């Protein structure tokens, strides 16, 4: 059977298989290394007696968004801006439609006052700023600089207004050296995983005739959002899902501002995917605004809201896949 096969076809299939393996392995490394980095960085901050507010607002915020940030930056540096933007938009949409929707199907989710008054408005502002930056189909250094300034402003607000559930300082038996080494190991793993994921995703997009934006929005973004999905489901089963809502909004804030700033400063250039810079951006804005509006009006997100959020995710996926 193999003897009668076209050698070129066998080669193409081999490249696709290797690309799929590269993407899968890269995402697995990203998820695990991201967890190691977040835990070690938070532990290091505590060992250095850094404020719990700073740990919650910056260390964990950047840490949980590290996979998206690194993947998008590497994609931009390699000239695949669509993949990077698709990853940011897809992750943001997944967080507040797929992840939040699945959790709300299990149990109604209450939104705390701090989420409604602080994290959610900042998240909306962040995704709106990112959407405006890429709406013209280009992400340049000027856009990156503006997003970086906005990120700094958001950091000031987060640090000056402590979260109700901010982490408390705890003494640790782990040495500063060990925490530092684990942080570097985790960060190194994130970089390696991102390289593999971007390389595999780019090859798959080219082989299947799909846009980099769609691959970034679907496969890559879903992979980097899996930890949030697993955590949300576990928390919902324990009736504690409300504790992670602030983190989901916070993740969107860092994805949009930090990820967008990094891509812009890397001079990502033309995105080249009009569906990504129109329909997908509207889905991102729609998900965050709907989640905030329902939470602000009812202080909870129920099953009806969950179906609406899941509908947004499915509609965005179908829209990008069509044509």
Protein backbone atom coordinates (compact mmCIF):
# COMPACT_ATOMS: atom_id res chain seq x y z
CA UNK A 1 0.00 0.00 0.00
CA UNK A 2 2.78 2.41 0.98
CA UNK A 3 4.77 1.38 -2.13
CA UNK A 4 2.00 2.71 -4.39
CA UNK A 5 1.64 5.96 -2.49
CA UNK A 6 2.91 9.24 -3.84
CA UNK A 7 6.19 10.06 -2.04
CA UNK A 8 5.21 13.73 -1.97
CA UNK A 9 1.88 12.88 -0.32
CA UNK A 10 3.66 10.76 2.29
CA UNK A 11 6.03 13.65 2.99
CA UNK A 12 3.14 16.09 3.39
CA UNK A 13 1.31 13.74 5.75
CA UNK A 14 4.50 13.32 7.73
CA UNK A 15 4.89 17.08 8.07
CA UNK A 16 1.28 17.44 9.20
CA UNK A 17 1.68 14.67 11.77
CA UNK A 18 4.86 16.23 13.12
CA UNK A 19 3.17 19.63 13.25
CA UNK A 20 0.21 18.20 15.17
CA UNK A 21 2.58 16.51 17.63
CA UNK A 22 4.56 19.73 17.98
CA UNK A 23 1.39 21.70 18.73
CA UNK A 24 0.11 19.12 21.23
CA UNK A 25 3.44 18.75 23.04
CA UNK A 26 3.93 22.51 23.02
CA UNK A 27 0.53 23.13 24.60
CA UNK A 28 1.15 20.46 27.25
CA UNK A 29 4.50 22.03 28.13
CA UNK A 30 2.89 25.48 28.18
CA UNK A 31 0.20 24.40 30.63
CA UNK A 32 2.56 22.59 33.00
CA UNK A 33 5.35 25.15 32.81
CA UNK A 34 2.85 27.96 33.31
CA UNK A 35 1.64 26.34 36.53
CA UNK A 36 5.21 25.91 37.76
CA UNK A 37 6.04 29.52 36.93
CA UNK A 38 2.98 30.95 38.68
CA UNK A 39 3.46 28.89 41.84
CA UNK A 40 7.19 29.56 42.06
CA UNK A 41 6.86 33.27 41.27
CA UNK A 42 4.19 33.74 43.93
CA UNK A 43 6.30 31.80 46.43
CA UNK A 44 9.35 33.91 45.58
CA UNK A 45 7.35 37.10 46.06
CA UNK A 46 6.19 35.92 49.49
CA UNK A 47 9.73 34.95 50.46
CA UNK A 48 10.87 38.45 49.54
CA UNK A 49 7.98 39.86 51.63
CA UNK A 50 6.30 41.45 48.62
CA UNK A 51 2.83 42.82 49.32
CA UNK A 52 0.01 40.33 48.89
CA UNK A 53 -1.76 42.91 46.73
CA UNK A 54 1.17 43.01 44.33
CA UNK A 55 1.28 39.21 44.28
CA UNK A 56 -2.39 38.98 43.39
CA UNK A 57 -2.49 41.87 40.94
CA UNK A 58 0.79 41.46 39.10
CA UNK A 59 2.58 38.17 39.79
CA UNK A 60 -0.46 35.93 39.33
CA UNK A 61 -1.95 38.19 36.68
CA UNK A 62 1.09 38.04 34.45
CA UNK A 63 1.81 34.45 35.40
CA UNK A 64 -1.56 33.05 34.35
CA UNK A 65 -1.35 34.99 31.07
CA UNK A 66 2.26 33.97 30.38
CA UNK A 67 1.36 31.24 27.82
CA UNK A 68 -0.80 33.60 25.75
CA UNK A 69 1.74 36.40 26.07
CA UNK A 70 4.71 34.33 24.94
CA UNK A 71 2.86 32.50 22.15
CA UNK A 72 1.52 35.75 20.68
CA UNK A 73 4.88 37.53 20.92
CA UNK A 74 6.74 34.68 19.23
CA UNK A 75 4.07 34.49 16.52
CA UNK A 76 4.44 38.24 15.90
CA UNK A 77 8.23 38.01 15.78
CA UNK A 78 7.90 35.23 13.18
CA UNK A 79 5.65 37.37 11.02
CA UNK A 80 2.42 35.52 11.83
CA UNK A 81 0.45 38.34 13.45
CA UNK A 82 -2.88 36.62 12.73
CA UNK A 83 -1.90 33.61 14.85
CA UNK A 84 -0.87 35.86 17.74
CA UNK A 85 -3.98 38.02 17.62
CA UNK A 86 -6.15 34.93 17.19
CA UNK A 87 -4.61 33.44 20.32
CA UNK A 88 -5.32 36.56 22.41
CA UNK A 89 -8.85 37.01 21.10
CA UNK A 90 -9.61 33.29 21.28
CA UNK A 91 -8.35 33.01 24.84
CA UNK A 92 -10.39 36.03 25.93
CA UNK A 93 -13.54 34.69 24.28
CA UNK A 94 -12.97 31.21 25.73
CA UNK A 95 -12.47 32.58 29.25
CA UNK A 96 -15.76 34.45 29.45
CA UNK A 97 -17.92 32.32 27.16
CA UNK A 98 -16.75 28.71 27.14
CA UNK A 99 -15.16 28.53 30.62
CA UNK A 100 -17.67 30.73 32.41
CA UNK A 101 -20.56 29.20 30.47
CA UNK A 102 -19.65 25.62 31.35
CA UNK A 103 -19.19 26.55 35.01
CA UNK A 104 -22.56 28.34 35.10
CA UNK A 105 -24.28 25.26 33.66
CA UNK A 106 -23.11 23.32 36.70
CA UNK A 107 -24.12 25.93 39.27
CA UNK A 108 -25.21 29.60 39.24
CA UNK A 109 -22.18 31.85 39.73
CA UNK A 110 -22.30 34.87 42.01
CA UNK A 111 -20.18 37.92 41.24
CA UNK A 112 -18.58 39.77 44.13
CA UNK A 113 -18.74 43.54 44.51
CA UNK A 114 -15.02 43.92 43.77
CA UNK A 115 -15.39 42.02 40.49
CA UNK A 116 -18.32 44.18 39.37
CA UNK A 117 -16.71 47.45 40.44
CA UNK A 118 -13.08 46.80 39.55
CA UNK A 119 -11.95 43.70 37.63
CA UNK A 120 -14.85 43.64 35.17
CA UNK A 121 -14.74 47.35 34.17
CA UNK A 122 -10.96 47.17 33.78
CA UNK A 123 -11.33 44.01 31.70
CA UNK A 124 -13.89 45.67 29.43
CA UNK A 125 -11.61 48.69 29.00
CA UNK A 126 -8.65 46.41 28.23
CA UNK A 127 -10.38 44.31 25.58
CA UNK A 128 -11.91 47.46 24.05
CA UNK A 129 -8.46 49.06 23.83
CA UNK A 130 -7.02 45.94 22.23
CA UNK A 131 -9.95 45.74 19.80
CA UNK A 132 -9.42 49.37 18.75
CA UNK A 133 -5.70 48.72 18.30
CA UNK A 134 -6.22 45.86 15.84
CA UNK A 135 -9.48 46.99 14.24
CA UNK A 136 -7.61 48.57 11.31
CA UNK A 137 -5.94 45.24 10.59
CA UNK A 138 -2.51 46.26 11.85
CA UNK A 139 -0.64 46.18 15.14
CA UNK A 140 2.44 48.41 15.23
CA UNK A 141 4.82 49.90 17.78
CA UNK A 142 2.60 52.93 18.36
CA UNK A 143 -0.28 50.61 19.28
CA UNK A 144 2.05 48.62 21.51
CA UNK A 145 3.24 51.73 23.33
CA UNK A 146 -0.31 52.90 24.00
CA UNK A 147 -1.34 49.48 25.30
CA UNK A 148 1.75 49.39 27.51
CA UNK A 149 0.85 52.76 29.06
CA UNK A 150 -2.71 51.53 29.66
CA UNK A 151 -1.32 48.38 31.27
CA UNK A 152 0.76 50.50 33.65
CA UNK A 153 -2.35 52.50 34.55
CA UNK A 154 -4.33 49.33 35.19
CA UNK A 155 -1.54 48.05 37.43
CA UNK A 156 -1.67 51.23 39.51
CA UNK A 157 -5.44 50.84 39.96
CA UNK A 158 -5.15 47.17 40.91
CA UNK A 159 -2.38 47.79 43.42
CA UNK A 160 -4.04 50.81 45.05
CA UNK A 161 -7.39 49.05 45.46
CA UNK A 162 -6.79 45.66 47.13
CA UNK A 163 -8.98 42.74 46.19
CA UNK A 164 -11.42 41.34 48.75
CA UNK A 165 -9.86 37.95 48.23
CA UNK A 166 -6.28 39.10 47.95
CA UNK A 167 -3.70 36.55 48.91
CA UNK A 168 -2.37 36.84 52.45
CA UNK A 169 1.30 36.77 53.21
CA UNK A 170 2.50 33.43 54.46
CA UNK A 171 5.84 32.23 55.64
CA UNK A 172 7.45 29.66 53.42
CA UNK A 173 9.97 26.95 54.13
CA UNK A 174 11.15 27.02 50.54
CA UNK A 175 14.33 28.95 49.97
CA UNK A 176 14.51 32.02 47.80
CA UNK A 177 17.07 30.27 45.61
CA UNK A 178 14.79 27.29 45.00
CA UNK A 179 11.83 29.54 44.18
CA UNK A 180 13.97 31.58 41.81
CA UNK A 181 15.27 28.48 40.03
CA UNK A 182 11.76 27.05 39.71
CA UNK A 183 10.52 30.39 38.34
CA UNK A 184 13.26 30.38 35.72
CA UNK A 185 12.57 26.72 34.92
CA UNK A 186 8.88 27.45 34.49
CA UNK A 187 9.57 30.48 32.32
CA UNK A 188 11.98 28.45 30.22
CA UNK A 189 9.34 25.77 29.78
CA UNK A 190 6.82 28.39 28.69
CA UNK A 191 9.27 29.67 26.06
CA UNK A 192 10.01 26.17 24.74
CA UNK A 193 6.34 25.19 24.74
CA UNK A 194 5.40 28.40 22.95
CA UNK A 195 8.03 27.82 20.26
CA UNK A 196 6.72 24.30 19.62
CA UNK A 197 3.08 25.40 19.67
CA UNK A 198 3.62 28.30 17.27
CA UNK A 199 5.69 26.18 14.89
CA UNK A 200 3.13 23.37 14.87
CA UNK A 201 0.15 25.71 14.55
CA UNK A 202 1.73 27.59 11.65
CA UNK A 203 2.47 24.39 9.74
CA UNK A 204 -1.03 23.01 10.34
CA UNK A 205 -2.63 26.24 9.16
CA UNK A 206 -0.61 26.15 5.94
CA UNK A 207 -1.21 22.42 5.36
CA UNK A 208 -4.96 22.56 5.97
CA UNK A 209 -5.48 25.82 4.13
CA UNK A 210 -6.75 27.54 7.27
CA UNK A 211 -5.88 31.02 8.42
CA UNK A 212 -3.41 31.49 11.23
CA UNK A 213 -6.10 33.52 12.95
CA UNK A 214 -8.50 30.58 13.07
CA UNK A 215 -5.83 28.17 14.34
CA UNK A 216 -4.82 30.69 17.00
CA UNK A 217 -8.44 31.36 17.99
CA UNK A 218 -9.39 27.69 18.19
CA UNK A 219 -6.65 25.12 18.83
CA UNK A 220 -3.98 27.31 20.43
CA UNK A 221 -6.34 29.47 22.51
CA UNK A 222 -8.35 26.46 23.65
CA UNK A 223 -5.16 24.74 24.72
CA UNK A 224 -3.93 27.72 26.73
CA UNK A 225 -7.39 28.09 28.32
CA UNK A 226 -7.71 24.45 29.40
CA UNK A 227 -6.32 25.09 32.92
CA UNK A 228 -8.97 27.75 33.52
CA UNK A 229 -11.68 25.40 32.21
CA UNK A 230 -10.61 22.51 34.45
CA UNK A 231 -10.33 24.81 37.47
CA UNK A 232 -13.72 26.38 36.78
CA UNK A 233 -15.48 23.01 36.51
CA UNK A 234 -13.85 21.77 39.72
CA UNK A 235 -14.77 24.98 41.56
CA UNK A 236 -18.35 24.89 40.25
CA UNK A 237 -18.82 21.37 41.59
CA UNK A 238 -17.79 22.66 45.02
CA UNK A 239 -20.05 25.73 44.69
CA UNK A 240 -17.00 27.98 44.75
CA UNK A 241 -16.94 29.08 41.10
CA UNK A 242 -17.49 32.69 42.10
CA UNK A 243 -13.92 32.74 43.38
CA UNK A 244 -12.48 32.36 39.87
CA UNK A 245 -14.65 34.90 38.04
CA UNK A 246 -12.33 37.72 39.04
CA UNK A 247 -9.38 35.73 37.72
CA UNK A 248 -11.12 35.23 34.36
CA UNK A 249 -11.77 38.95 34.00
CA UNK A 250 -8.21 39.62 35.18
CA UNK A 251 -6.79 37.19 32.65
CA UNK A 252 -8.56 39.03 29.85
CA UNK A 253 -7.10 42.31 31.09
CA UNK A 254 -3.54 40.99 30.94
CA UNK A 255 -4.08 39.12 27.68
CA UNK A 256 -5.36 42.23 25.92
CA UNK A 257 -2.96 44.82 27.31
CA UNK A 258 0.23 42.84 28.00
CA UNK A 259 -0.17 40.52 25.01
CA UNK A 260 -1.20 43.33 22.69
CA UNK A 261 1.63 45.57 23.90
CA UNK A 262 4.23 42.83 23.41
CA UNK A 263 2.98 42.08 19.90
CA UNK A 264 2.89 45.76 19.00
CA UNK A 265 6.39 46.44 20.31
CA UNK A 266 7.54 43.41 18.31
CA UNK A 267 6.08 45.29 15.32
CA UNK A 268 3.61 42.54 14.38
CA UNK A 269 2.44 44.51 11.33
CA UNK A 270 -0.45 43.51 9.10
CA UNK A 271 -2.79 40.89 10.53
CA UNK A 272 -4.25 39.89 7.18
CA UNK A 273 -7.43 38.23 8.48
CA UNK A 274 -10.49 40.46 8.20
CA UNK A 275 -12.77 37.95 9.90
CA UNK A 276 -10.49 37.94 12.90
CA UNK A 277 -10.42 41.74 13.12
CA UNK A 278 -14.20 42.07 12.83
CA UNK A 279 -16.39 39.15 13.90
CA UNK A 280 -13.97 37.62 16.41
CA UNK A 281 -13.32 41.00 18.04
CA UNK A 282 -17.07 41.60 18.32
CA UNK A 283 -17.45 38.17 19.94
CA UNK A 284 -14.72 39.08 22.43
CA UNK A 285 -16.40 42.37 23.31
CA UNK A 286 -19.82 40.71 23.39
CA UNK A 287 -18.71 38.00 25.81
CA UNK A 288 -17.10 40.35 28.32
CA UNK A 289 -19.91 42.93 28.17
CA UNK A 290 -22.66 40.28 28.47
CA UNK A 291 -20.95 38.61 31.44
CA UNK A 292 -20.50 41.98 33.14
CA UNK A 293 -24.01 43.23 32.38
CA UNK A 294 -25.70 40.10 33.70
CA UNK A 295 -23.49 40.11 36.76
CA UNK A 296 -24.11 43.80 37.45
CA UNK A 297 -27.88 43.45 37.06
CA UNK A 298 -28.40 40.15 38.88
CA UNK A 299 -25.11 39.65 40.75
CA UNK A 300 -25.15 36.13 39.35
CA UNK A 301 -24.78 34.22 36.10
CA UNK A 302 -27.34 31.45 35.67
CA UNK A 303 -28.05 28.70 33.15
CA UNK A 304 -29.85 31.00 30.69
CA UNK A 305 -26.80 33.27 30.68
CA UNK A 306 -24.56 30.22 30.28
CA UNK A 307 -26.32 29.15 27.09
CA UNK A 308 -25.97 32.69 25.73
CA UNK A 309 -22.24 32.73 26.50
CA UNK A 310 -21.70 29.29 24.96
CA UNK A 311 -23.67 30.46 21.93
CA UNK A 312 -21.25 33.37 21.50
CA UNK A 313 -18.32 30.96 21.51
CA UNK A 314 -19.87 28.56 19.00
CA UNK A 315 -20.99 31.41 16.72
CA UNK A 316 -17.50 32.92 16.71
CA UNK A 317 -15.93 29.54 15.93
CA UNK A 318 -18.35 28.85 13.07
CA UNK A 319 -17.89 32.36 11.68
CA UNK A 320 -14.11 32.03 11.56
CA UNK A 321 -14.20 28.49 10.16
CA UNK A 322 -16.68 29.30 7.36
CA UNK A 323 -15.24 30.23 4.04
